[in-house]
Amino acid sequence: MKKSIRKGFSFGLTSGVITTLGLIIGLNSATNSRLAVVGGIITIAIADSFSDALGMHLSEESEAEHTHKTIWKVTKATAFYKFIFALSFLIPVLLLSLRNAVIVSIIWGVILLSILSYNLAKRQGISAWKAIREHLFIALIVVIITYYLGIFVANVFV
């Protein structure tokens, strides 16, 4: 995989998992509404894919050593992979009860982040388990914060 595609893939997967999990957990704990969660996932898949792609585009442009072609490869890869990984969370939400879908989504996110972390660690020659623990810890913080934020929103605004 070319460096530009790998960069977009890694960013898209990570952002797709963390952002979508946070959204699912937060909306579920605030609303317990499948409609809200489905709408949120689709919105994240579209709006945040373009937002992250533009962010990567501008980040790559800020580094003078990248060519125009490379910048656009990273931009397209980020948008594509963020969109695909975010939408992948729709499957359990559409097929299972919302409670079970949340659990399956967390497991799916852990699997995706673990595989990516393992591959990146091996590529860099560092401890895979340390990288996996570090990245899953960050994901866990997002899940906990968004869960309690959803409860807070439900109690204050409903």
N, C-alpha and C. Protein backbone atom coordinates (compact mmCIF):
# COMPACT_ATOMS: atom_id res chain seq x y z
N MET A 1 0.86 -1.18 0.00
CA MET A 1 0.00 0.00 0.00
C MET A 1 0.90 1.24 0.00
N LYS A 2 0.63 2.17 -0.90
CA LYS A 2 1.41 3.39 -0.98
C LYS A 2 1.24 4.21 0.29
N LYS A 3 2.28 4.99 0.59
CA LYS A 3 2.28 5.80 1.81
C LYS A 3 1.05 6.72 1.88
N SER A 4 0.69 7.36 0.78
CA SER A 4 -0.44 8.29 0.79
C SER A 4 -1.76 7.56 1.07
N ILE A 5 -1.92 6.38 0.51
CA ILE A 5 -3.14 5.60 0.74
C ILE A 5 -3.13 5.07 2.18
N ARG A 6 -1.99 4.60 2.64
CA ARG A 6 -1.86 4.08 4.01
C ARG A 6 -2.19 5.17 5.03
N LYS A 7 -1.75 6.39 4.75
CA LYS A 7 -2.03 7.51 5.65
C LYS A 7 -3.54 7.78 5.71
N GLY A 8 -4.19 7.83 4.56
CA GLY A 8 -5.64 8.05 4.52
C GLY A 8 -6.41 6.90 5.15
N PHE A 9 -5.93 5.67 4.92
CA PHE A 9 -6.56 4.49 5.51
C PHE A 9 -6.48 4.54 7.03
N SER A 10 -5.27 4.78 7.55
CA SER A 10 -5.08 4.81 9.01
C SER A 10 -5.90 5.90 9.66
N PHE A 11 -5.87 7.08 9.07
CA PHE A 11 -6.64 8.19 9.62
C PHE A 11 -8.13 7.92 9.51
N GLY A 12 -8.56 7.47 8.33
CA GLY A 12 -9.99 7.20 8.12
C GLY A 12 -10.53 6.13 9.05
N LEU A 13 -9.77 5.05 9.22
CA LEU A 13 -10.20 3.98 10.12
C LEU A 13 -10.29 4.50 11.55
N THR A 14 -9.23 5.13 12.02
CA THR A 14 -9.20 5.60 13.40
C THR A 14 -10.31 6.61 13.67
N SER A 15 -10.43 7.59 12.81
CA SER A 15 -11.46 8.60 12.99
C SER A 15 -12.85 7.99 12.83
N GLY A 16 -13.00 7.10 11.86
CA GLY A 16 -14.29 6.44 11.65
C GLY A 16 -14.73 5.65 12.87
N VAL A 17 -13.80 4.95 13.49
CA VAL A 17 -14.13 4.16 14.67
C VAL A 17 -14.41 5.05 15.88
N ILE A 18 -13.47 5.92 16.20
CA ILE A 18 -13.59 6.73 17.43
C ILE A 18 -14.78 7.68 17.35
N THR A 19 -14.92 8.40 16.26
CA THR A 19 -16.01 9.36 16.12
C THR A 19 -17.37 8.65 16.12
N THR A 20 -17.47 7.57 15.36
CA THR A 20 -18.75 6.89 15.25
C THR A 20 -19.12 6.19 16.56
N LEU A 21 -18.15 5.58 17.22
CA LEU A 21 -18.44 4.97 18.53
C LEU A 21 -18.90 6.02 19.52
N GLY A 22 -18.21 7.16 19.56
CA GLY A 22 -18.60 8.23 20.47
C GLY A 22 -20.02 8.69 20.19
N LEU A 23 -20.34 8.83 18.93
CA LEU A 23 -21.68 9.26 18.53
C LEU A 23 -22.73 8.22 18.94
N ILE A 24 -22.46 6.95 18.63
CA ILE A 24 -23.41 5.88 18.97
C ILE A 24 -23.65 5.82 20.47
N ILE A 25 -22.58 5.83 21.24
CA ILE A 25 -22.70 5.73 22.70
C ILE A 25 -23.44 6.95 23.25
N GLY A 26 -23.03 8.13 22.80
CA GLY A 26 -23.66 9.35 23.31
C GLY A 26 -25.13 9.47 22.94
N LEU A 27 -25.45 9.22 21.67
CA LEU A 27 -26.86 9.32 21.25
C LEU A 27 -27.71 8.24 21.91
N ASN A 28 -27.16 7.04 22.04
CA ASN A 28 -27.93 5.98 22.69
C ASN A 28 -28.22 6.32 24.15
N SER A 29 -27.21 6.77 24.88
CA SER A 29 -27.44 7.07 26.29
C SER A 29 -28.31 8.31 26.48
N ALA A 30 -28.32 9.21 25.50
CA ALA A 30 -29.17 10.41 25.60
C ALA A 30 -30.60 10.15 25.16
N THR A 31 -30.77 9.34 24.11
CA THR A 31 -32.11 9.22 23.50
C THR A 31 -32.69 7.81 23.51
N ASN A 32 -31.83 6.82 23.52
CA ASN A 32 -32.26 5.42 23.37
C ASN A 32 -33.12 5.27 22.11
N SER A 33 -32.73 5.99 21.05
CA SER A 33 -33.51 6.01 19.82
C SER A 33 -32.69 5.45 18.66
N ARG A 34 -33.18 4.38 18.05
CA ARG A 34 -32.52 3.81 16.88
C ARG A 34 -32.47 4.84 15.75
N LEU A 35 -33.55 5.60 15.56
CA LEU A 35 -33.59 6.61 14.51
C LEU A 35 -32.49 7.65 14.71
N ALA A 36 -32.31 8.12 15.92
CA ALA A 36 -31.27 9.10 16.19
C ALA A 36 -29.88 8.52 15.92
N VAL A 37 -29.66 7.28 16.31
CA VAL A 37 -28.36 6.64 16.11
C VAL A 37 -28.10 6.42 14.61
N VAL A 38 -29.09 5.91 13.89
CA VAL A 38 -28.92 5.69 12.44
C VAL A 38 -28.67 7.03 11.74
N GLY A 39 -29.46 8.03 12.05
CA GLY A 39 -29.26 9.35 11.45
C GLY A 39 -27.90 9.92 11.78
N GLY A 40 -27.46 9.72 13.00
CA GLY A 40 -26.14 10.19 13.41
C GLY A 40 -25.02 9.50 12.67
N ILE A 41 -25.12 8.19 12.51
CA ILE A 41 -24.07 7.44 11.79
C ILE A 41 -23.99 7.90 10.34
N ILE A 42 -25.13 8.05 9.69
CA ILE A 42 -25.13 8.48 8.29
C ILE A 42 -24.56 9.90 8.17
N THR A 43 -24.94 10.76 9.09
CA THR A 43 -24.43 12.13 9.09
C THR A 43 -22.92 12.16 9.29
N ILE A 44 -22.44 11.39 10.25
CA ILE A 44 -20.99 11.30 10.50
C ILE A 44 -20.28 10.76 9.26
N ALA A 45 -20.85 9.71 8.67
CA ALA A 45 -20.20 9.09 7.50
C ALA A 45 -20.03 10.09 6.36
N ILE A 46 -20.98 10.97 6.19
CA ILE A 46 -20.90 11.93 5.09
C ILE A 46 -20.16 13.20 5.50
N ALA A 47 -20.69 13.90 6.48
CA ALA A 47 -20.13 15.21 6.84
C ALA A 47 -18.71 15.10 7.40
N ASP A 48 -18.49 14.16 8.29
CA ASP A 48 -17.18 14.06 8.91
C ASP A 48 -16.13 13.48 7.96
N SER A 49 -16.58 12.66 7.00
CA SER A 49 -15.64 12.15 5.99
C SER A 49 -15.07 13.31 5.17
N PHE A 50 -15.94 14.20 4.75
CA PHE A 50 -15.47 15.36 3.98
C PHE A 50 -14.65 16.31 4.85
N SER A 51 -15.09 16.51 6.08
CA SER A 51 -14.37 17.38 6.99
C SER A 51 -12.96 16.85 7.27
N ASP A 52 -12.86 15.55 7.58
CA ASP A 52 -11.55 14.96 7.84
C ASP A 52 -10.68 14.98 6.58
N ALA A 53 -11.28 14.72 5.43
CA ALA A 53 -10.53 14.74 4.18
C ALA A 53 -9.96 16.14 3.91
N LEU A 54 -10.77 17.16 4.14
CA LEU A 54 -10.28 18.52 3.96
C LEU A 54 -9.18 18.83 4.97
N GLY A 55 -9.34 18.38 6.19
CA GLY A 55 -8.30 18.58 7.20
C GLY A 55 -6.99 17.92 6.79
N MET A 56 -7.08 16.68 6.30
CA MET A 56 -5.87 16.00 5.83
C MET A 56 -5.29 16.72 4.62
N HIS A 57 -6.15 17.18 3.73
CA HIS A 57 -5.71 17.91 2.54
C HIS A 57 -4.89 19.14 2.94
N LEU A 58 -5.44 19.93 3.84
CA LEU A 58 -4.75 21.14 4.28
C LEU A 58 -3.48 20.81 5.05
N SER A 59 -3.51 19.76 5.84
CA SER A 59 -2.32 19.33 6.57
C SER A 59 -1.21 18.92 5.61
N GLU A 60 -1.58 18.16 4.59
CA GLU A 60 -0.59 17.74 3.58
C GLU A 60 -0.08 18.94 2.79
N GLU A 61 -0.95 19.90 2.48
CA GLU A 61 -0.51 21.10 1.75
C GLU A 61 0.48 21.93 2.57
N SER A 62 0.36 21.85 3.88
CA SER A 62 1.25 22.64 4.74
C SER A 62 2.68 22.09 4.73
N GLU A 63 2.84 20.87 4.25
CA GLU A 63 4.18 20.27 4.14
C GLU A 63 4.64 20.40 2.70
N ALA A 64 5.66 21.19 2.48
CA ALA A 64 6.09 21.56 1.13
C ALA A 64 6.57 20.37 0.28
N GLU A 65 6.96 19.27 0.91
CA GLU A 65 7.54 18.16 0.13
C GLU A 65 6.52 17.28 -0.58
N HIS A 66 5.23 17.50 -0.36
CA HIS A 66 4.21 16.67 -1.01
C HIS A 66 3.80 17.24 -2.36
N THR A 67 3.60 16.36 -3.33
CA THR A 67 3.14 16.78 -4.64
C THR A 67 1.62 16.95 -4.62
N HIS A 68 1.13 17.66 -5.61
CA HIS A 68 -0.31 17.87 -5.75
C HIS A 68 -1.04 16.52 -5.85
N LYS A 69 -0.47 15.59 -6.61
CA LYS A 69 -1.06 14.27 -6.80
C LYS A 69 -1.11 13.49 -5.48
N THR A 70 -0.03 13.54 -4.71
CA THR A 70 0.02 12.85 -3.42
C THR A 70 -1.00 13.43 -2.45
N ILE A 71 -1.10 14.74 -2.42
CA ILE A 71 -2.07 15.40 -1.53
C ILE A 71 -3.48 14.92 -1.84
N TRP A 72 -3.83 14.84 -3.12
CA TRP A 72 -5.17 14.40 -3.49
C TRP A 72 -5.39 12.91 -3.21
N LYS A 73 -4.35 12.10 -3.29
CA LYS A 73 -4.48 10.68 -2.94
C LYS A 73 -4.82 10.53 -1.46
N VAL A 74 -4.11 11.27 -0.61
CA VAL A 74 -4.39 11.23 0.83
C VAL A 74 -5.81 11.73 1.10
N THR A 75 -6.19 12.81 0.44
CA THR A 75 -7.53 13.39 0.63
C THR A 75 -8.62 12.39 0.27
N LYS A 76 -8.50 11.79 -0.91
CA LYS A 76 -9.51 10.82 -1.36
C LYS A 76 -9.53 9.58 -0.48
N ALA A 77 -8.35 9.09 -0.11
CA ALA A 77 -8.29 7.89 0.74
C ALA A 77 -8.92 8.16 2.11
N THR A 78 -8.65 9.32 2.67
CA THR A 78 -9.24 9.67 3.98
C THR A 78 -10.76 9.70 3.88
N ALA A 79 -11.29 10.38 2.87
CA ALA A 79 -12.74 10.47 2.72
C ALA A 79 -13.36 9.09 2.51
N PHE A 80 -12.77 8.30 1.65
CA PHE A 80 -13.30 6.98 1.34
C PHE A 80 -13.29 6.06 2.57
N TYR A 81 -12.15 5.95 3.22
CA TYR A 81 -12.06 5.01 4.34
C TYR A 81 -12.85 5.48 5.56
N LYS A 82 -12.89 6.77 5.80
CA LYS A 82 -13.71 7.28 6.91
C LYS A 82 -15.18 6.95 6.63
N PHE A 83 -15.63 7.17 5.41
CA PHE A 83 -17.00 6.89 5.02
C PHE A 83 -17.32 5.41 5.21
N ILE A 84 -16.47 4.53 4.71
CA ILE A 84 -16.70 3.08 4.78
C ILE A 84 -16.70 2.59 6.23
N PHE A 85 -15.70 2.98 7.00
CA PHE A 85 -15.63 2.49 8.38
C PHE A 85 -16.76 3.06 9.24
N ALA A 86 -17.13 4.31 9.04
CA ALA A 86 -18.26 4.87 9.79
C ALA A 86 -19.55 4.14 9.44
N LEU A 87 -19.78 3.92 8.14
CA LEU A 87 -21.00 3.22 7.72
C LEU A 87 -21.04 1.77 8.18
N SER A 88 -19.89 1.16 8.41
CA SER A 88 -19.88 -0.24 8.85
C SER A 88 -20.61 -0.43 10.18
N PHE A 89 -20.71 0.64 10.96
CA PHE A 89 -21.41 0.56 12.24
C PHE A 89 -22.93 0.54 12.08
N LEU A 90 -23.41 0.83 10.88
CA LEU A 90 -24.85 0.75 10.62
C LEU A 90 -25.35 -0.69 10.68
N ILE A 91 -24.51 -1.62 10.27
CA ILE A 91 -24.94 -3.03 10.17
C ILE A 91 -25.50 -3.55 11.49
N PRO A 92 -24.76 -3.47 12.61
CA PRO A 92 -25.37 -3.97 13.85
C PRO A 92 -26.58 -3.16 14.31
N VAL A 93 -26.57 -1.85 14.05
CA VAL A 93 -27.69 -1.00 14.47
C VAL A 93 -28.97 -1.37 13.72
N LEU A 94 -28.82 -1.74 12.47
CA LEU A 94 -30.00 -2.10 11.67
C LEU A 94 -30.46 -3.53 11.91
N LEU A 95 -29.55 -4.40 12.33
CA LEU A 95 -29.89 -5.83 12.46
C LEU A 95 -30.21 -6.28 13.88
N LEU A 96 -29.76 -5.54 14.87
CA LEU A 96 -29.91 -5.98 16.27
C LEU A 96 -30.72 -4.98 17.07
N SER A 97 -31.11 -5.39 18.27
CA SER A 97 -31.70 -4.41 19.18
C SER A 97 -30.65 -3.34 19.44
N LEU A 98 -31.07 -2.14 19.79
CA LEU A 98 -30.12 -1.05 19.97
C LEU A 98 -29.10 -1.37 21.06
N ARG A 99 -29.55 -1.97 22.14
CA ARG A 99 -28.64 -2.34 23.24
C ARG A 99 -27.57 -3.29 22.75
N ASN A 100 -27.97 -4.34 22.02
CA ASN A 100 -26.99 -5.30 21.50
C ASN A 100 -26.12 -4.68 20.41
N ALA A 101 -26.70 -3.79 19.62
CA ALA A 101 -25.94 -3.12 18.57
C ALA A 101 -24.82 -2.27 19.16
N VAL A 102 -25.09 -1.63 20.28
CA VAL A 102 -24.06 -0.83 20.95
C VAL A 102 -22.91 -1.73 21.40
N ILE A 103 -23.23 -2.87 21.98
CA ILE A 103 -22.20 -3.81 22.43
C ILE A 103 -21.40 -4.33 21.24
N VAL A 104 -22.08 -4.75 20.18
CA VAL A 104 -21.40 -5.25 18.98
C VAL A 104 -20.55 -4.14 18.35
N SER A 105 -21.04 -2.92 18.35
CA SER A 105 -20.28 -1.80 17.81
C SER A 105 -18.99 -1.56 18.58
N ILE A 106 -19.06 -1.66 19.88
CA ILE A 106 -17.85 -1.50 20.70
C ILE A 106 -16.85 -2.62 20.37
N ILE A 107 -17.34 -3.84 20.27
CA ILE A 107 -16.46 -4.97 19.92
C ILE A 107 -15.85 -4.76 18.53
N TRP A 108 -16.67 -4.35 17.56
CA TRP A 108 -16.20 -4.09 16.20
C TRP A 108 -15.11 -3.00 16.22
N GLY A 109 -15.35 -1.95 16.96
CA GLY A 109 -14.37 -0.87 17.06
C GLY A 109 -13.06 -1.35 17.68
N VAL A 110 -13.16 -2.15 18.72
CA VAL A 110 -11.96 -2.71 19.37
C VAL A 110 -11.18 -3.58 18.39
N ILE A 111 -11.88 -4.40 17.64
CA ILE A 111 -11.22 -5.27 16.66
C ILE A 111 -10.49 -4.43 15.60
N LEU A 112 -11.19 -3.46 15.03
CA LEU A 112 -10.57 -2.63 13.98
C LEU A 112 -9.35 -1.88 14.50
N LEU A 113 -9.48 -1.24 15.66
CA LEU A 113 -8.36 -0.49 16.22
C LEU A 113 -7.20 -1.40 16.60
N SER A 114 -7.52 -2.58 17.10
CA SER A 114 -6.46 -3.53 17.49
C SER A 114 -5.68 -4.01 16.28
N ILE A 115 -6.37 -4.35 15.21
CA ILE A 115 -5.69 -4.80 13.99
C ILE A 115 -4.81 -3.69 13.43
N LEU A 116 -5.35 -2.48 13.34
CA LEU A 116 -4.56 -1.36 12.84
C LEU A 116 -3.36 -1.10 13.74
N SER A 117 -3.57 -1.07 15.04
CA SER A 117 -2.47 -0.82 15.99
C SER A 117 -1.39 -1.89 15.89
N TYR A 118 -1.81 -3.13 15.77
CA TYR A 118 -0.87 -4.24 15.64
C TYR A 118 -0.02 -4.08 14.37
N ASN A 119 -0.67 -3.81 13.26
CA ASN A 119 0.05 -3.65 11.99
C ASN A 119 1.00 -2.45 12.01
N LEU A 120 0.55 -1.35 12.59
CA LEU A 120 1.42 -0.18 12.68
C LEU A 120 2.62 -0.44 13.58
N ALA A 121 2.39 -1.11 14.70
CA ALA A 121 3.48 -1.41 15.64
C ALA A 121 4.51 -2.33 14.99
N LYS A 122 4.04 -3.35 14.31
CA LYS A 122 4.96 -4.27 13.63
C LYS A 122 5.77 -3.53 12.56
N ARG A 123 5.11 -2.65 11.85
CA ARG A 123 5.78 -1.88 10.79
C ARG A 123 6.86 -0.98 11.39
N GLN A 124 6.62 -0.46 12.58
CA GLN A 124 7.55 0.46 13.23
C GLN A 124 8.56 -0.27 14.13
N GLY A 125 8.34 -1.58 14.33
CA GLY A 125 9.25 -2.34 15.17
C GLY A 125 9.11 -2.06 16.65
N ILE A 126 7.90 -1.70 17.08
CA ILE A 126 7.66 -1.45 18.50
C ILE A 126 6.71 -2.51 19.05
N SER A 127 6.52 -2.52 20.35
CA SER A 127 5.66 -3.51 21.00
C SER A 127 4.21 -3.35 20.54
N ALA A 128 3.68 -4.42 19.95
CA ALA A 128 2.30 -4.39 19.47
C ALA A 128 1.32 -4.23 20.62
N TRP A 129 1.57 -4.94 21.71
CA TRP A 129 0.63 -4.89 22.83
C TRP A 129 0.60 -3.51 23.47
N LYS A 130 1.77 -2.86 23.52
CA LYS A 130 1.80 -1.50 24.07
C LYS A 130 0.99 -0.56 23.18
N ALA A 131 1.16 -0.66 21.87
CA ALA A 131 0.43 0.20 20.94
C ALA A 131 -1.07 -0.07 21.03
N ILE A 132 -1.45 -1.34 21.08
CA ILE A 132 -2.87 -1.70 21.17
C ILE A 132 -3.47 -1.14 22.45
N ARG A 133 -2.79 -1.36 23.59
CA ARG A 133 -3.29 -0.85 24.88
C ARG A 133 -3.46 0.67 24.84
N GLU A 134 -2.47 1.35 24.29
CA GLU A 134 -2.50 2.81 24.24
C GLU A 134 -3.69 3.31 23.41
N HIS A 135 -3.89 2.71 22.25
CA HIS A 135 -4.96 3.16 21.36
C HIS A 135 -6.34 2.77 21.89
N LEU A 136 -6.44 1.59 22.48
CA LEU A 136 -7.74 1.19 23.05
C LEU A 136 -8.07 2.00 24.30
N PHE A 137 -7.06 2.42 25.03
CA PHE A 137 -7.29 3.26 26.20
C PHE A 137 -7.95 4.58 25.79
N ILE A 138 -7.45 5.17 24.70
CA ILE A 138 -8.02 6.41 24.19
C ILE A 138 -9.48 6.17 23.76
N ALA A 139 -9.72 5.06 23.07
CA ALA A 139 -11.09 4.72 22.66
C ALA A 139 -12.00 4.55 23.88
N LEU A 140 -11.49 3.90 24.92
CA LEU A 140 -12.26 3.69 26.15
C LEU A 140 -12.63 5.03 26.79
N ILE A 141 -11.71 5.95 26.80
CA ILE A 141 -12.00 7.28 27.36
C ILE A 141 -13.14 7.94 26.58
N VAL A 142 -13.09 7.84 25.26
CA VAL A 142 -14.16 8.43 24.42
C VAL A 142 -15.50 7.78 24.74
N VAL A 143 -15.52 6.45 24.85
CA VAL A 143 -16.76 5.73 25.16
C VAL A 143 -17.32 6.16 26.51
N ILE A 144 -16.48 6.24 27.50
CA ILE A 144 -16.94 6.63 28.85
C ILE A 144 -17.46 8.06 28.86
N ILE A 145 -16.69 8.97 28.30
CA ILE A 145 -17.10 10.39 28.30
C ILE A 145 -18.41 10.58 27.54
N THR A 146 -18.53 9.97 26.36
CA THR A 146 -19.75 10.17 25.57
C THR A 146 -20.97 9.50 26.21
N TYR A 147 -20.75 8.40 26.90
CA TYR A 147 -21.85 7.74 27.63
C TYR A 147 -22.40 8.69 28.70
N TYR A 148 -21.51 9.23 29.52
CA TYR A 148 -21.96 10.11 30.60
C TYR A 148 -22.45 11.46 30.07
N LEU A 149 -21.87 11.91 28.98
CA LEU A 149 -22.36 13.14 28.36
C LEU A 149 -23.78 12.95 27.84
N GLY A 150 -24.06 11.79 27.25
CA GLY A 150 -25.42 11.49 26.79
C GLY A 150 -26.42 11.47 27.94
N ILE A 151 -26.03 10.84 29.04
CA ILE A 151 -26.89 10.82 30.24
C ILE A 151 -27.13 12.24 30.75
N PHE A 152 -26.06 13.04 30.79
CA PHE A 152 -26.17 14.42 31.23
C PHE A 152 -27.16 15.20 30.34
N VAL A 153 -27.01 15.07 29.04
CA VAL A 153 -27.89 15.75 28.09
C VAL A 153 -29.33 15.31 28.28
N ALA A 154 -29.54 14.02 28.46
CA ALA A 154 -30.91 13.50 28.68
C ALA A 154 -31.52 14.07 29.95
N ASN A 155 -30.73 14.19 30.99
CA ASN A 155 -31.25 14.69 32.27
C ASN A 155 -31.47 16.19 32.27
N VAL A 156 -30.67 16.92 31.56
CA VAL A 156 -30.76 18.37 31.58
C VAL A 156 -31.73 18.90 30.52
N PHE A 157 -31.75 18.29 29.36
CA PHE A 157 -32.50 18.87 28.24
C PHE A 157 -33.79 18.15 27.90
N VAL A 158 -34.09 17.07 28.57
CA VAL A 158 -35.33 16.34 28.26
C VAL A 158 -36.31 16.50 29.39
